[in-house]
Amino acid sequence: MPFNATNHLKRASLLAALGLIGLGLGRAGAQVGQPLAPFLNSPSLADVRQGAAGLLTFADGSSAVLQSRGGYMTGAKIIVSNVDPQKAAAQAAELTGLLSGFGSGLAEPMLGFLGREDVGKKLLEGLTVDAEPFTITIKADAQLLSVDLKLARVPDGAFAPTANALPARRVSKNDVVLRVYSDFQCPYCRQFESETLPALLRSLPDDVRVEFHQFPLESIHPLARPAAEASECAAKQGKFWAYKDALFRDQSWLSGNADQTFTALAAETGLNTATFKTCLTTRGGQAAVDAGLAEAERLGLNGTPSVFVGPYQAANPFDTAGLLDLIKFTRAVEGGQP
């Protein structure tokens, strides 16, 4: 999972810790991003005083204000006494684990992060950390340590339009776009295409549009770009989705003459092979692939497959139930698709 901190802080151990967990947003126990009412009635809050406007007061005097919209918890602001910084860090980390739903899986690496000397020097001015699927903002003074926890959200207008999509079967006022950033040579992308996506499509609401975005990892997958460009040549004939499926299904292009296999797959999917071969030779798909790479860089992506539901990145792209939950969350919180 990507981990970035503002104020020029280096990537921290929190990345590795979260990356090993592999939890999805929709997994049991998740709080932020899930319906609010079940959490408020959960045993974990049995000894917590609940006040107006989402205020929770814990036995040690720490507090949290829960933010919600459409019946879902969208974030929380945690406030603890900072008279004893070491104790404050432990309290803040524990509550962040509780309210995120990741428990010790987030609390322990966060505690280690807060204990770093370079981090401590930045707390007075505040710092923001990206720890997928969350954005965590931390600030402290001599009296209080505060932590803002929310789902990371891609700014409006950051996504590039693409015609490489399965259109929604029904147009609605509250439609959602599911975007997949993928690499044709990536084995995990093939797993997503062969296992997760078919299962997802069987349960997907009929007003969800599914988009494919090019993200060939050229440094480790030398044939990913040629395959991506071939798929864009197929797109010029209106056959992107069928050709994309063929590239993932038949990966004989990974050995032997790739262009010959690309052309054979073009024939199988009903393309005009002469037109396709000309496009392939002249690299007619290059500009589209370049645009996909530029978009992935803007979004800060560093792995495939990366999946977004609306403006929110899925923590686990292989968790079908989690993706469906994230669709519900996006629909409730966004009220439409940015």
C-alpha atoms as a PDB file:
ATOM      1  CA  MET A   1       0.000   0.000   0.000  1.00  0.00           C
ATOM      2  CA  PRO A   2       1.323   3.450  -0.804  1.00  0.00           C
ATOM      3  CA  PHE A   3       2.340   5.559   2.165  1.00  0.00           C
ATOM      4  CA  ASN A   4       3.203   9.223   1.743  1.00  0.00           C
ATOM      5  CA  ALA A   5       3.629  11.971   4.318  1.00  0.00           C
ATOM      6  CA  THR A   6       3.610  15.703   3.783  1.00  0.00           C
ATOM      7  CA  ASN A   7       6.331  18.033   5.064  1.00  0.00           C
ATOM      8  CA  HIS A   8       8.951  15.942   3.253  1.00  0.00           C
ATOM      9  CA  LEU A   9       8.794  13.038   5.716  1.00  0.00           C
ATOM     10  CA  LYS A  10      10.227   9.824   4.313  1.00  0.00           C
ATOM     11  CA  ARG A  11       8.073   6.742   3.711  1.00  0.00           C
ATOM     12  CA  ALA A  12       7.573   5.099   7.077  1.00  0.00           C
ATOM     13  CA  SER A  13       7.237   1.638   8.590  1.00  0.00           C
ATOM     14  CA  LEU A  14       3.451   2.078   8.697  1.00  0.00           C
ATOM     15  CA  LEU A  15       3.395   1.211   4.970  1.00  0.00           C
ATOM     16  CA  ALA A  16       4.984  -2.176   5.480  1.00  0.00           C
ATOM     17  CA  ALA A  17       2.837  -2.964   8.491  1.00  0.00           C
ATOM     18  CA  LEU A  18      -0.414  -2.138   6.718  1.00  0.00           C
ATOM     19  CA  GLY A  19       0.722  -3.830   3.538  1.00  0.00           C
ATOM     20  CA  LEU A  20       1.168  -7.115   5.373  1.00  0.00           C
ATOM     21  CA  ILE A  21      -2.356  -7.038   6.734  1.00  0.00           C
ATOM     22  CA  GLY A  22      -4.165  -6.898   3.401  1.00  0.00           C
ATOM     23  CA  LEU A  23      -7.509  -6.029   5.016  1.00  0.00           C
ATOM     24  CA  GLY A  24     -10.310  -4.787   2.801  1.00  0.00           C
ATOM     25  CA  LEU A  25     -12.674  -1.967   3.655  1.00  0.00           C
ATOM     26  CA  GLY A  26     -15.640  -4.294   3.740  1.00  0.00           C
ATOM     27  CA  ARG A  27     -14.084  -6.853   6.079  1.00  0.00           C
ATOM     28  CA  ALA A  28     -15.645  -7.585   9.464  1.00  0.00           C
ATOM     29  CA  GLY A  29     -14.792  -5.010  12.090  1.00  0.00           C
ATOM     30  CA  ALA A  30     -14.215  -2.090   9.761  1.00  0.00           C
ATOM     31  CA  GLN A  31     -15.749   1.107  11.132  1.00  0.00           C
ATOM     32  CA  VAL A  32     -14.936   4.167   9.012  1.00  0.00           C
ATOM     33  CA  GLY A  33     -16.646   3.547   5.697  1.00  0.00           C
ATOM     34  CA  GLN A  34     -19.296   1.284   7.236  1.00  0.00           C
ATOM     35  CA  PRO A  35     -22.822   1.903   8.603  1.00  0.00           C
ATOM     36  CA  LEU A  36     -22.696   3.966  11.783  1.00  0.00           C
ATOM     37  CA  ALA A  37     -25.562   2.464  13.790  1.00  0.00           C
ATOM     38  CA  PRO A  38     -24.104  -1.063  14.247  1.00  0.00           C
ATOM     39  CA  PHE A  39     -20.852   0.413  15.518  1.00  0.00           C
ATOM     40  CA  LEU A  40     -22.601   2.633  18.051  1.00  0.00           C
ATOM     41  CA  ASN A  41     -24.391  -0.456  19.377  1.00  0.00           C
ATOM     42  CA  SER A  42     -21.306  -2.686  19.376  1.00  0.00           C
ATOM     43  CA  PRO A  43     -19.758  -4.223  22.542  1.00  0.00           C
ATOM     44  CA  SER A  44     -16.558  -2.230  21.921  1.00  0.00           C
ATOM     45  CA  LEU A  45     -18.451   0.909  23.006  1.00  0.00           C
ATOM     46  CA  ALA A  46     -20.195  -0.624  26.005  1.00  0.00           C
ATOM     47  CA  ASP A  47     -18.179   1.464  28.499  1.00  0.00           C
ATOM     48  CA  VAL A  48     -18.032   4.591  26.342  1.00  0.00           C
ATOM     49  CA  ARG A  49     -20.286   7.578  27.013  1.00  0.00           C
ATOM     50  CA  GLN A  50     -22.103   8.650  23.859  1.00  0.00           C
ATOM     51  CA  GLY A  51     -23.142  12.272  23.557  1.00  0.00           C
ATOM     52  CA  ALA A  52     -24.752  14.525  20.995  1.00  0.00           C
ATOM     53  CA  ALA A  53     -23.272  15.228  17.562  1.00  0.00           C
ATOM     54  CA  GLY A  54     -21.306  11.978  17.476  1.00  0.00           C
ATOM     55  CA  LEU A  55     -19.260  12.650  20.613  1.00  0.00           C
ATOM     56  CA  LEU A  56     -17.701   9.648  22.325  1.00  0.00           C
ATOM     57  CA  THR A  57     -16.008  10.015  25.716  1.00  0.00           C
ATOM     58  CA  PHE A  58     -13.771   7.181  26.879  1.00  0.00           C
ATOM     59  CA  ALA A  59     -13.013   6.101  30.435  1.00  0.00           C
ATOM     60  CA  ASP A  60      -9.545   7.716  30.417  1.00  0.00           C
ATOM     61  CA  GLY A  61     -10.998  11.106  29.381  1.00  0.00           C
ATOM     62  CA  SER A  62     -10.025  10.808  25.725  1.00  0.00           C
ATOM     63  CA  SER A  63     -12.725  11.699  23.217  1.00  0.00           C
ATOM     64  CA  ALA A  64     -13.665  11.255  19.604  1.00  0.00           C
ATOM     65  CA  VAL A  65     -16.145  13.023  17.380  1.00  0.00           C
ATOM     66  CA  LEU A  66     -17.597  10.764  14.698  1.00  0.00           C
ATOM     67  CA  GLN A  67     -18.496  12.222  11.323  1.00  0.00           C
ATOM     68  CA  SER A  68     -21.251  10.588   9.297  1.00  0.00           C
ATOM     69  CA  ARG A  69     -23.303  10.997   6.165  1.00  0.00           C
ATOM     70  CA  GLY A  70     -26.063   8.928   4.682  1.00  0.00           C
ATOM     71  CA  GLY A  71     -25.940   6.605   7.684  1.00  0.00           C
ATOM     72  CA  TYR A  72     -22.246   5.791   7.177  1.00  0.00           C
ATOM     73  CA  MET A  73     -19.290   6.758   9.303  1.00  0.00           C
ATOM     74  CA  THR A  74     -17.076   8.957   7.124  1.00  0.00           C
ATOM     75  CA  GLY A  75     -14.391   9.852   9.645  1.00  0.00           C
ATOM     76  CA  ALA A  76     -13.471  10.628  13.228  1.00  0.00           C
ATOM     77  CA  LYS A  77     -11.493  13.229  15.149  1.00  0.00           C
ATOM     78  CA  ILE A  78      -9.665  11.826  18.173  1.00  0.00           C
ATOM     79  CA  ILE A  79      -8.468  14.087  20.998  1.00  0.00           C
ATOM     80  CA  VAL A  80      -6.266  12.932  23.899  1.00  0.00           C
ATOM     81  CA  SER A  81      -4.314  14.726  26.602  1.00  0.00           C
ATOM     82  CA  ASN A  82      -0.698  15.353  25.582  1.00  0.00           C
ATOM     83  CA  VAL A  83       0.687  16.138  29.034  1.00  0.00           C
ATOM     84  CA  ASP A  84       2.479  12.808  28.857  1.00  0.00           C
ATOM     85  CA  PRO A  85       3.435  12.462  25.124  1.00  0.00           C
ATOM     86  CA  GLN A  86       4.290   8.769  25.381  1.00  0.00           C
ATOM     87  CA  LYS A  87       0.949   7.939  26.963  1.00  0.00           C
ATOM     88  CA  ALA A  88      -0.838  10.223  24.501  1.00  0.00           C
ATOM     89  CA  ALA A  89       0.689   8.418  21.528  1.00  0.00           C
ATOM     90  CA  ALA A  90      -0.444   5.060  22.931  1.00  0.00           C
ATOM     91  CA  GLN A  91      -3.997   6.315  23.528  1.00  0.00           C
ATOM     92  CA  ALA A  92      -4.254   7.953  20.109  1.00  0.00           C
ATOM     93  CA  ALA A  93      -2.934   4.855  18.353  1.00  0.00           C
ATOM     94  CA  GLU A  94      -5.331   2.560  20.215  1.00  0.00           C
ATOM     95  CA  LEU A  95      -8.351   4.720  19.381  1.00  0.00           C
ATOM     96  CA  THR A  96      -7.269   5.021  15.751  1.00  0.00           C
ATOM     97  CA  GLY A  97      -7.172   1.234  15.565  1.00  0.00           C
ATOM     98  CA  LEU A  98     -10.612   0.979  17.155  1.00  0.00           C
ATOM     99  CA  LEU A  99     -12.312   3.593  14.982  1.00  0.00           C
ATOM    100  CA  SER A 100     -10.680   2.440  11.762  1.00  0.00           C
ATOM    101  CA  GLY A 101     -11.683  -1.163  12.410  1.00  0.00           C
ATOM    102  CA  PHE A 102      -8.117  -2.368  11.820  1.00  0.00           C
ATOM    103  CA  GLY A 103      -7.435  -2.706  15.549  1.00  0.00           C
ATOM    104  CA  SER A 104      -3.847  -3.467  16.483  1.00  0.00           C
ATOM    105  CA  GLY A 105      -3.038  -3.853  12.790  1.00  0.00           C
ATOM    106  CA  LEU A 106      -3.115  -0.064  12.548  1.00  0.00           C
ATOM    107  CA  ALA A 107      -2.565   0.861  16.201  1.00  0.00           C
ATOM    108  CA  GLU A 108       0.829  -0.830  16.524  1.00  0.00           C
ATOM    109  CA  PRO A 109       2.510   0.657  13.432  1.00  0.00           C
ATOM    110  CA  MET A 110       0.978   4.042  14.203  1.00  0.00           C
ATOM    111  CA  LEU A 111       2.442   3.949  17.705  1.00  0.00           C
ATOM    112  CA  GLY A 112       5.846   3.205  16.217  1.00  0.00           C
ATOM    113  CA  PHE A 113       5.391   6.035  13.729  1.00  0.00           C
ATOM    114  CA  LEU A 114       4.473   8.535  16.464  1.00  0.00           C
ATOM    115  CA  GLY A 115       7.539   7.471  18.440  1.00  0.00           C
ATOM    116  CA  ARG A 116       9.938   8.492  15.685  1.00  0.00           C
ATOM    117  CA  GLU A 117      12.055  11.560  16.435  1.00  0.00           C
ATOM    118  CA  ASP A 118      11.524  13.143  12.999  1.00  0.00           C
ATOM    119  CA  VAL A 119       7.754  12.731  13.343  1.00  0.00           C
ATOM    120  CA  GLY A 120       7.732  14.250  16.828  1.00  0.00           C
ATOM    121  CA  LYS A 121       9.397  17.388  15.485  1.00  0.00           C
ATOM    122  CA  LYS A 122       6.614  17.832  12.940  1.00  0.00           C
ATOM    123  CA  LEU A 123       3.632  17.380  15.234  1.00  0.00           C
ATOM    124  CA  LEU A 124       3.407  21.034  16.300  1.00  0.00           C
ATOM    125  CA  GLU A 125       2.818  22.166  12.724  1.00  0.00           C
ATOM    126  CA  GLY A 126       0.826  19.046  11.907  1.00  0.00           C
ATOM    127  CA  LEU A 127       1.326  16.375   9.276  1.00  0.00           C
ATOM    128  CA  THR A 128      -0.882  14.303   7.014  1.00  0.00           C
ATOM    129  CA  VAL A 129      -0.175  10.667   6.259  1.00  0.00           C
ATOM    130  CA  ASP A 130      -1.631   8.531   3.481  1.00  0.00           C
ATOM    131  CA  ALA A 131      -2.169   4.978   4.756  1.00  0.00           C
ATOM    132  CA  GLU A 132      -4.599   3.302   2.395  1.00  0.00           C
ATOM    133  CA  PRO A 133      -7.487   3.339   2.617  1.00  0.00           C
ATOM    134  CA  PHE A 134      -7.218   6.204   5.096  1.00  0.00           C
ATOM    135  CA  THR A 135      -5.838   9.708   5.334  1.00  0.00           C
ATOM    136  CA  ILE A 136      -4.602  10.464   8.843  1.00  0.00           C
ATOM    137  CA  THR A 137      -3.871  14.025  10.004  1.00  0.00           C
ATOM    138  CA  ILE A 138      -1.980  14.378  13.293  1.00  0.00           C
ATOM    139  CA  LYS A 139      -1.286  17.534  15.286  1.00  0.00           C
ATOM    140  CA  ALA A 140      -0.097  18.203  18.825  1.00  0.00           C
ATOM    141  CA  ASP A 141       0.718  20.951  21.293  1.00  0.00           C
ATOM    142  CA  ALA A 142       1.683  20.875  24.948  1.00  0.00           C
ATOM    143  CA  GLN A 143      -1.906  20.106  25.982  1.00  0.00           C
ATOM    144  CA  LEU A 144      -3.580  17.991  23.315  1.00  0.00           C
ATOM    145  CA  LEU A 145      -2.822  15.466  20.590  1.00  0.00           C
ATOM    146  CA  SER A 146      -5.436  15.219  17.841  1.00  0.00           C
ATOM    147  CA  VAL A 147      -5.877  12.669  15.065  1.00  0.00           C
ATOM    148  CA  ASP A 148      -8.229  13.132  12.120  1.00  0.00           C
ATOM    149  CA  LEU A 149      -9.093   9.828  10.457  1.00  0.00           C
ATOM    150  CA  LYS A 150     -10.986   9.640   7.179  1.00  0.00           C
ATOM    151  CA  LEU A 151     -11.140   7.631   4.006  1.00  0.00           C
ATOM    152  CA  ALA A 152      -8.698   8.974   1.440  1.00  0.00           C
ATOM    153  CA  ARG A 153     -10.629  10.676  -1.365  1.00  0.00           C
ATOM    154  CA  VAL A 154      -9.347  11.475  -4.843  1.00  0.00           C
ATOM    155  CA  PRO A 155     -10.118  15.136  -5.701  1.00  0.00           C
ATOM    156  CA  ASP A 156     -12.858  15.814  -8.226  1.00  0.00           C
ATOM    157  CA  GLY A 157     -11.533  15.987 -11.774  1.00  0.00           C
ATOM    158  CA  ALA A 158      -8.435  13.883 -11.082  1.00  0.00           C
ATOM    159  CA  PHE A 159      -9.578  10.881 -13.107  1.00  0.00           C
ATOM    160  CA  ALA A 160      -9.067  10.825 -16.869  1.00  0.00           C
ATOM    161  CA  PRO A 161     -12.047   9.894 -19.065  1.00  0.00           C
ATOM    162  CA  THR A 162     -11.862   6.638 -20.985  1.00  0.00           C
ATOM    163  CA  ALA A 163     -14.068   4.834 -23.493  1.00  0.00           C
ATOM    164  CA  ASN A 164     -12.620   1.471 -22.399  1.00  0.00           C
ATOM    165  CA  ALA A 165     -15.588   0.546 -20.276  1.00  0.00           C
ATOM    166  CA  LEU A 166     -18.599  -1.630 -19.704  1.00  0.00           C
ATOM    167  CA  PRO A 167     -21.336   1.018 -19.606  1.00  0.00           C
ATOM    168  CA  ALA A 168     -23.906   0.892 -16.851  1.00  0.00           C
ATOM    169  CA  ARG A 169     -26.979  -1.065 -17.898  1.00  0.00           C
ATOM    170  CA  ARG A 170     -29.175   1.660 -16.459  1.00  0.00           C
ATOM    171  CA  VAL A 171     -28.577   5.378 -16.051  1.00  0.00           C
ATOM    172  CA  SER A 172     -29.472   6.796 -12.650  1.00  0.00           C
ATOM    173  CA  LYS A 173     -29.041  10.050 -10.759  1.00  0.00           C
ATOM    174  CA  ASN A 174     -26.790   8.281  -8.265  1.00  0.00           C
ATOM    175  CA  ASP A 175     -24.558   6.214 -10.542  1.00  0.00           C
ATOM    176  CA  VAL A 176     -21.082   4.995  -9.577  1.00  0.00           C
ATOM    177  CA  VAL A 177     -17.919   4.361 -11.592  1.00  0.00           C
ATOM    178  CA  LEU A 178     -15.588   1.480 -10.734  1.00  0.00           C
ATOM    179  CA  ARG A 179     -12.118   2.066 -12.199  1.00  0.00           C
ATOM    180  CA  VAL A 180      -9.530  -0.671 -12.621  1.00  0.00           C
ATOM    181  CA  TYR A 181      -5.862   0.276 -13.237  1.00  0.00           C
ATOM    182  CA  SER A 182      -4.258  -2.778 -14.757  1.00  0.00           C
ATOM    183  CA  ASP A 183      -1.250  -4.362 -16.443  1.00  0.00           C
ATOM    184  CA  PHE A 184      -1.697  -7.173 -18.993  1.00  0.00           C
ATOM    185  CA  GLN A 185       1.478  -8.955 -17.855  1.00  0.00           C
ATOM    186  CA  CYS A 186       0.677  -8.749 -14.142  1.00  0.00           C
ATOM    187  CA  PRO A 187      -0.370 -12.148 -12.710  1.00  0.00           C
ATOM    188  CA  TYR A 188      -2.456 -10.452 -10.020  1.00  0.00           C
ATOM    189  CA  CYS A 189      -4.323  -8.499 -12.687  1.00  0.00           C
ATOM    190  CA  ARG A 190      -5.048 -11.763 -14.477  1.00  0.00           C
ATOM    191  CA  GLN A 191      -6.360 -13.161 -11.187  1.00  0.00           C
ATOM    192  CA  PHE A 192      -8.599 -10.108 -10.791  1.00  0.00           C
ATOM    193  CA  GLU A 193      -9.893 -10.495 -14.354  1.00  0.00           C
ATOM    194  CA  SER A 194     -10.484 -14.248 -14.128  1.00  0.00           C
ATOM    195  CA  GLU A 195     -11.846 -14.510 -10.580  1.00  0.00           C
ATOM    196  CA  THR A 196     -12.835 -11.233  -8.931  1.00  0.00           C
ATOM    197  CA  LEU A 197     -14.342  -9.327 -11.857  1.00  0.00           C
ATOM    198  CA  PRO A 198     -16.692 -12.122 -13.023  1.00  0.00           C
ATOM    199  CA  ALA A 199     -17.957 -12.586  -9.463  1.00  0.00           C
ATOM    200  CA  LEU A 200     -18.339  -8.836  -9.095  1.00  0.00           C
ATOM    201  CA  LEU A 201     -20.244  -8.458 -12.362  1.00  0.00           C
ATOM    202  CA  ARG A 202     -22.758 -11.080 -11.243  1.00  0.00           C
ATOM    203  CA  SER A 203     -23.662  -8.942  -8.217  1.00  0.00           C
ATOM    204  CA  LEU A 204     -22.970  -5.455  -9.520  1.00  0.00           C
ATOM    205  CA  PRO A 205     -25.859  -2.954  -9.394  1.00  0.00           C
ATOM    206  CA  ASP A 206     -27.032  -2.167 -12.919  1.00  0.00           C
ATOM    207  CA  ASP A 207     -26.137   1.527 -12.694  1.00  0.00           C
ATOM    208  CA  VAL A 208     -22.404   0.936 -12.104  1.00  0.00           C
ATOM    209  CA  ARG A 209     -19.975   1.644 -14.958  1.00  0.00           C
ATOM    210  CA  VAL A 210     -16.763  -0.425 -15.004  1.00  0.00           C
ATOM    211  CA  GLU A 211     -13.701   1.231 -16.574  1.00  0.00           C
ATOM    212  CA  PHE A 212     -10.301  -0.215 -17.535  1.00  0.00           C
ATOM    213  CA  HIS A 213      -7.325   2.165 -17.268  1.00  0.00           C
ATOM    214  CA  GLN A 214      -3.913   1.393 -18.719  1.00  0.00           C
ATOM    215  CA  PHE A 215      -1.087   1.064 -16.209  1.00  0.00           C
ATOM    216  CA  PRO A 216       1.664  -1.158 -17.671  1.00  0.00           C
ATOM    217  CA  LEU A 217       4.545  -1.551 -15.221  1.00  0.00           C
ATOM    218  CA  GLU A 218       7.238  -1.418 -17.898  1.00  0.00           C
ATOM    219  CA  SER A 219      10.201  -1.713 -15.538  1.00  0.00           C
ATOM    220  CA  ILE A 220       9.206  -5.234 -14.475  1.00  0.00           C
ATOM    221  CA  HIS A 221       6.854  -6.317 -17.291  1.00  0.00           C
ATOM    222  CA  PRO A 222       8.540  -5.637 -20.656  1.00  0.00           C
ATOM    223  CA  LEU A 223       5.589  -6.911 -22.715  1.00  0.00           C
ATOM    224  CA  ALA A 224       2.934  -5.053 -20.747  1.00  0.00           C
ATOM    225  CA  ARG A 225       3.163  -1.914 -22.882  1.00  0.00           C
ATOM    226  CA  PRO A 226       3.041  -3.734 -26.267  1.00  0.00           C
ATOM    227  CA  ALA A 227      -0.039  -5.601 -25.042  1.00  0.00           C
ATOM    228  CA  ALA A 228      -1.611  -2.375 -23.810  1.00  0.00           C
ATOM    229  CA  GLU A 229      -0.946  -0.672 -27.148  1.00  0.00           C
ATOM    230  CA  ALA A 230      -2.450  -3.671 -28.961  1.00  0.00           C
ATOM    231  CA  SER A 231      -5.580  -3.340 -26.826  1.00  0.00           C
ATOM    232  CA  GLU A 232      -5.827   0.337 -27.772  1.00  0.00           C
ATOM    233  CA  CYS A 233      -5.607  -0.656 -31.441  1.00  0.00           C
ATOM    234  CA  ALA A 234      -8.569  -2.938 -30.786  1.00  0.00           C
ATOM    235  CA  ALA A 235     -10.333  -0.023 -29.084  1.00  0.00           C
ATOM    236  CA  LYS A 236     -10.044   1.977 -32.300  1.00  0.00           C
ATOM    237  CA  GLN A 237     -12.297  -0.672 -33.878  1.00  0.00           C
ATOM    238  CA  GLY A 238     -14.718  -0.667 -30.941  1.00  0.00           C
ATOM    239  CA  LYS A 239     -13.564  -4.035 -29.604  1.00  0.00           C
ATOM    240  CA  PHE A 240     -11.494  -3.096 -26.573  1.00  0.00           C
ATOM    241  CA  TRP A 241     -13.339  -5.151 -23.957  1.00  0.00           C
ATOM    242  CA  ALA A 242     -13.401  -8.363 -26.010  1.00  0.00           C
ATOM    243  CA  TYR A 243      -9.736  -7.973 -26.901  1.00  0.00           C
ATOM    244  CA  LYS A 244      -8.790  -7.169 -23.313  1.00  0.00           C
ATOM    245  CA  ASP A 245     -10.469 -10.392 -22.225  1.00  0.00           C
ATOM    246  CA  ALA A 246      -8.598 -12.333 -24.938  1.00  0.00           C
ATOM    247  CA  LEU A 247      -5.207 -10.952 -23.819  1.00  0.00           C
ATOM    248  CA  PHE A 248      -5.801 -12.088 -20.252  1.00  0.00           C
ATOM    249  CA  ARG A 249      -7.297 -15.436 -21.267  1.00  0.00           C
ATOM    250  CA  ASP A 250      -4.619 -16.454 -23.810  1.00  0.00           C
ATOM    251  CA  GLN A 251      -1.186 -15.350 -22.678  1.00  0.00           C
ATOM    252  CA  SER A 252       0.812 -17.163 -25.343  1.00  0.00           C
ATOM    253  CA  TRP A 253       1.994 -13.686 -26.407  1.00  0.00           C
ATOM    254  CA  LEU A 254       4.341 -13.814 -23.415  1.00  0.00           C
ATOM    255  CA  SER A 255       6.520 -16.245 -25.360  1.00  0.00           C
ATOM    256  CA  GLY A 256       7.379 -16.394 -29.048  1.00  0.00           C
ATOM    257  CA  ASN A 257       6.378 -13.633 -31.448  1.00  0.00           C
ATOM    258  CA  ALA A 258       4.088 -11.294 -29.507  1.00  0.00           C
ATOM    259  CA  ASP A 259       2.914  -9.318 -32.544  1.00  0.00           C
ATOM    260  CA  GLN A 260       1.827 -12.502 -34.320  1.00  0.00           C
ATOM    261  CA  THR A 261      -0.202 -13.541 -31.285  1.00  0.00           C
ATOM    262  CA  PHE A 262      -1.674 -10.062 -30.953  1.00  0.00           C
ATOM    263  CA  THR A 263      -2.816 -10.263 -34.579  1.00  0.00           C
ATOM    264  CA  ALA A 264      -4.199 -13.790 -34.167  1.00  0.00           C
ATOM    265  CA  LEU A 265      -6.213 -12.605 -31.165  1.00  0.00           C
ATOM    266  CA  ALA A 266      -7.446  -9.676 -33.239  1.00  0.00           C
ATOM    267  CA  ALA A 267      -8.807 -12.097 -35.817  1.00  0.00           C
ATOM    268  CA  GLU A 268     -10.453 -14.190 -33.091  1.00  0.00           C
ATOM    269  CA  THR A 269     -12.234 -11.133 -31.707  1.00  0.00           C
ATOM    270  CA  GLY A 270     -13.556 -10.053 -35.106  1.00  0.00           C
ATOM    271  CA  LEU A 271     -11.214  -7.170 -35.848  1.00  0.00           C
ATOM    272  CA  ASN A 272     -10.073  -6.108 -39.304  1.00  0.00           C
ATOM    273  CA  THR A 273      -6.598  -7.611 -39.063  1.00  0.00           C
ATOM    274  CA  ALA A 274      -5.053  -5.441 -41.799  1.00  0.00           C
ATOM    275  CA  THR A 275      -6.169  -2.277 -40.016  1.00  0.00           C
ATOM    276  CA  PHE A 276      -5.055  -3.740 -36.681  1.00  0.00           C
ATOM    277  CA  LYS A 277      -1.580  -4.653 -37.996  1.00  0.00           C
ATOM    278  CA  THR A 278      -1.126  -1.146 -39.385  1.00  0.00           C
ATOM    279  CA  CYS A 279      -2.071   0.339 -36.024  1.00  0.00           C
ATOM    280  CA  LEU A 280       0.304  -2.035 -34.264  1.00  0.00           C
ATOM    281  CA  THR A 281       3.204  -1.225 -36.615  1.00  0.00           C
ATOM    282  CA  THR A 282       2.714   2.535 -36.385  1.00  0.00           C
ATOM    283  CA  ARG A 283       2.099   2.359 -32.602  1.00  0.00           C
ATOM    284  CA  GLY A 284      -1.326   3.865 -32.930  1.00  0.00           C
ATOM    285  CA  GLY A 285      -2.102   2.948 -29.330  1.00  0.00           C
ATOM    286  CA  GLN A 286       0.951   4.644 -27.838  1.00  0.00           C
ATOM    287  CA  ALA A 287      -0.688   7.972 -26.979  1.00  0.00           C
ATOM    288  CA  ALA A 288      -3.545   6.302 -25.095  1.00  0.00           C
ATOM    289  CA  VAL A 289      -1.140   4.179 -23.063  1.00  0.00           C
ATOM    290  CA  ASP A 290       1.036   7.222 -22.319  1.00  0.00           C
ATOM    291  CA  ALA A 291      -2.071   9.015 -21.061  1.00  0.00           C
ATOM    292  CA  GLY A 292      -2.893   6.081 -18.784  1.00  0.00           C
ATOM    293  CA  LEU A 293       0.596   6.081 -17.306  1.00  0.00           C
ATOM    294  CA  ALA A 294       0.407   9.828 -16.717  1.00  0.00           C
ATOM    295  CA  GLU A 295      -2.921   9.419 -14.945  1.00  0.00           C
ATOM    296  CA  ALA A 296      -1.557   6.635 -12.727  1.00  0.00           C
ATOM    297  CA  GLU A 297       1.396   8.846 -11.806  1.00  0.00           C
ATOM    298  CA  ARG A 298      -0.925  11.742 -10.902  1.00  0.00           C
ATOM    299  CA  LEU A 299      -2.896   9.416  -8.654  1.00  0.00           C
ATOM    300  CA  GLY A 300       0.283   8.163  -6.995  1.00  0.00           C
ATOM    301  CA  LEU A 301      -0.313   4.530  -7.913  1.00  0.00           C
ATOM    302  CA  ASN A 302       2.531   2.079  -7.556  1.00  0.00           C
ATOM    303  CA  GLY A 303       0.951  -1.339  -8.026  1.00  0.00           C
ATOM    304  CA  THR A 304      -1.591  -3.295 -10.043  1.00  0.00           C
ATOM    305  CA  PRO A 305      -4.407  -3.977  -9.946  1.00  0.00           C
ATOM    306  CA  SER A 306      -5.494  -0.738  -8.281  1.00  0.00           C
ATOM    307  CA  VAL A 307      -9.254  -0.335  -8.008  1.00  0.00           C
ATOM    308  CA  PHE A 308     -11.295   2.772  -7.224  1.00  0.00           C
ATOM    309  CA  VAL A 309     -14.993   3.009  -6.474  1.00  0.00           C
ATOM    310  CA  GLY A 310     -15.947   6.583  -7.166  1.00  0.00           C
ATOM    311  CA  PRO A 311     -13.220   8.686  -5.518  1.00  0.00           C
ATOM    312  CA  TYR A 312     -12.216   5.994  -3.012  1.00  0.00           C
ATOM    313  CA  GLN A 313      -9.486   3.401  -3.508  1.00  0.00           C
ATOM    314  CA  ALA A 314     -10.302  -0.143  -2.457  1.00  0.00           C
ATOM    315  CA  ALA A 315      -7.912  -1.492   0.169  1.00  0.00           C
ATOM    316  CA  ASN A 316      -8.268  -5.019  -1.215  1.00  0.00           C
ATOM    317  CA  PRO A 317      -9.191  -5.235  -4.934  1.00  0.00           C
ATOM    318  CA  PHE A 318      -9.833  -8.986  -4.637  1.00  0.00           C
ATOM    319  CA  ASP A 319     -12.495  -8.641  -1.919  1.00  0.00           C
ATOM    320  CA  THR A 320     -15.753  -8.769  -3.893  1.00  0.00           C
ATOM    321  CA  ALA A 321     -17.926  -8.171  -0.818  1.00  0.00           C
ATOM    322  CA  GLY A 322     -15.717  -5.239   0.179  1.00  0.00           C
ATOM    323  CA  LEU A 323     -16.055  -3.690  -3.281  1.00  0.00           C
ATOM    324  CA  LEU A 324     -19.842  -4.007  -3.153  1.00  0.00           C
ATOM    325  CA  ASP A 325     -19.830  -2.404   0.316  1.00  0.00           C
ATOM    326  CA  LEU A 326     -17.670   0.418  -1.003  1.00  0.00           C
ATOM    327  CA  ILE A 327     -20.194   0.979  -3.815  1.00  0.00           C
ATOM    328  CA  LYS A 328     -22.951   1.349  -1.210  1.00  0.00           C
ATOM    329  CA  PHE A 329     -20.801   3.714   0.842  1.00  0.00           C
ATOM    330  CA  THR A 330     -19.946   5.849  -2.200  1.00  0.00           C
ATOM    331  CA  ARG A 331     -23.563   6.069  -3.273  1.00  0.00           C
ATOM    332  CA  ALA A 332     -24.682   7.112   0.206  1.00  0.00           C
ATOM    333  CA  VAL A 333     -21.871   9.599   0.882  1.00  0.00           C
ATOM    334  CA  GLU A 334     -21.293  11.145  -2.528  1.00  0.00           C
ATOM    335  CA  GLY A 335     -24.885  11.275  -3.717  1.00  0.00           C
ATOM    336  CA  GLY A 336     -23.651  10.744  -7.267  1.00  0.00           C
ATOM    337  CA  GLN A 337     -20.420  10.098  -9.097  1.00  0.00           C
ATOM    338  CA  PRO A 338     -17.626  12.699  -9.256  1.00  0.00           C
END
